[in-house]
Amino acid sequence: MNDETFNLELRKFLKHFGVTAQREIEQAVAQGRASGRLKGSETLKARAVLSIEGLGTLATIDGDIHLE
């Protein structure tokens, strides 16, 4: 295993995940507000699950996203 390659690939994956996740959450909140399901003052419960094929679930991260 090449540690430098692994580190670069891991960082690339995490950057892609972060950008994609933020965009998806922003779009979901905008749609929720447009449809009236969200007022814009809620605190949303969020969960991200990290799993890797062959290794299983490695981490589950729970958090709150405050809209106001």
Protein backbone atom coordinates (compact mmCIF):
# COMPACT_ATOMS: atom_id res chain seq x y z
CA MET A 1 0.00 0.00 0.00
CA ASN A 2 1.24 3.47 -0.87
CA ASP A 3 0.38 5.76 2.08
CA GLU A 4 0.65 8.92 0.01
CA THR A 5 -1.72 7.63 -2.68
CA PHE A 6 -4.15 6.39 -0.03
CA ASN A 7 -4.12 9.76 1.74
CA LEU A 8 -4.75 11.65 -1.51
CA GLU A 9 -7.56 9.32 -2.55
CA LEU A 10 -9.16 9.54 0.88
CA ARG A 11 -9.05 13.35 0.83
CA LYS A 12 -10.52 13.39 -2.69
CA PHE A 13 -13.37 11.12 -1.59
CA LEU A 14 -14.11 13.20 1.52
CA LYS A 15 -14.08 16.45 -0.45
CA HIS A 16 -16.47 15.00 -3.02
CA PHE A 17 -18.74 13.71 -0.25
CA GLY A 18 -18.77 17.04 1.58
CA VAL A 19 -19.57 19.10 -1.50
CA THR A 20 -22.25 16.66 -2.66
CA ALA A 21 -23.85 16.32 0.78
CA GLN A 22 -24.02 20.09 1.26
CA ARG A 23 -25.65 20.58 -2.16
CA GLU A 24 -28.21 17.82 -1.50
CA ILE A 25 -29.11 19.21 1.93
CA GLU A 26 -29.46 22.75 0.56
CA GLN A 27 -31.73 21.52 -2.25
CA ALA A 28 -33.86 19.42 0.12
CA VAL A 29 -34.31 22.34 2.52
CA ALA A 30 -35.21 24.70 -0.34
CA GLN A 31 -37.80 22.20 -1.62
CA GLY A 32 -39.14 21.71 1.90
CA ARG A 33 -39.56 25.45 2.33
CA ALA A 34 -41.15 25.86 -1.11
CA SER A 35 -43.66 23.08 -0.42
CA GLY A 36 -44.49 24.36 3.05
CA ARG A 37 -43.13 21.28 4.85
CA LEU A 38 -40.49 23.49 6.48
CA LYS A 39 -41.04 26.93 7.95
CA GLY A 40 -37.36 27.82 8.08
CA SER A 41 -37.04 27.90 11.85
CA GLU A 42 -36.67 24.17 12.49
CA THR A 43 -33.72 22.21 13.74
CA LEU A 44 -33.22 19.22 11.48
CA LYS A 45 -31.85 15.94 12.80
CA ALA A 46 -29.21 14.65 10.38
CA ARG A 47 -27.35 11.35 10.15
CA ALA A 48 -24.45 10.33 7.95
CA VAL A 49 -23.39 6.70 7.73
CA LEU A 50 -19.93 5.76 6.48
CA SER A 51 -19.63 2.29 5.05
CA ILE A 52 -17.03 0.70 2.85
CA GLU A 53 -17.71 -2.38 0.79
CA GLY A 54 -15.88 -5.28 2.38
CA LEU A 55 -15.38 -3.44 5.67
CA GLY A 56 -18.98 -2.70 6.65
CA THR A 57 -20.25 0.30 8.58
CA LEU A 58 -17.36 2.27 10.03
CA ALA A 59 -19.10 5.26 11.58
CA THR A 60 -22.49 6.84 12.11
CA ILE A 61 -22.51 10.57 12.74
CA ASP A 62 -25.61 12.28 14.14
CA GLY A 63 -26.04 16.01 14.34
CA ASP A 64 -28.42 18.92 14.23
CA ILE A 65 -28.78 21.47 11.45
CA HIS A 66 -30.34 24.68 12.74
CA LEU A 67 -32.20 26.66 10.09
CA GLU A 68 -32.47 29.78 12.20
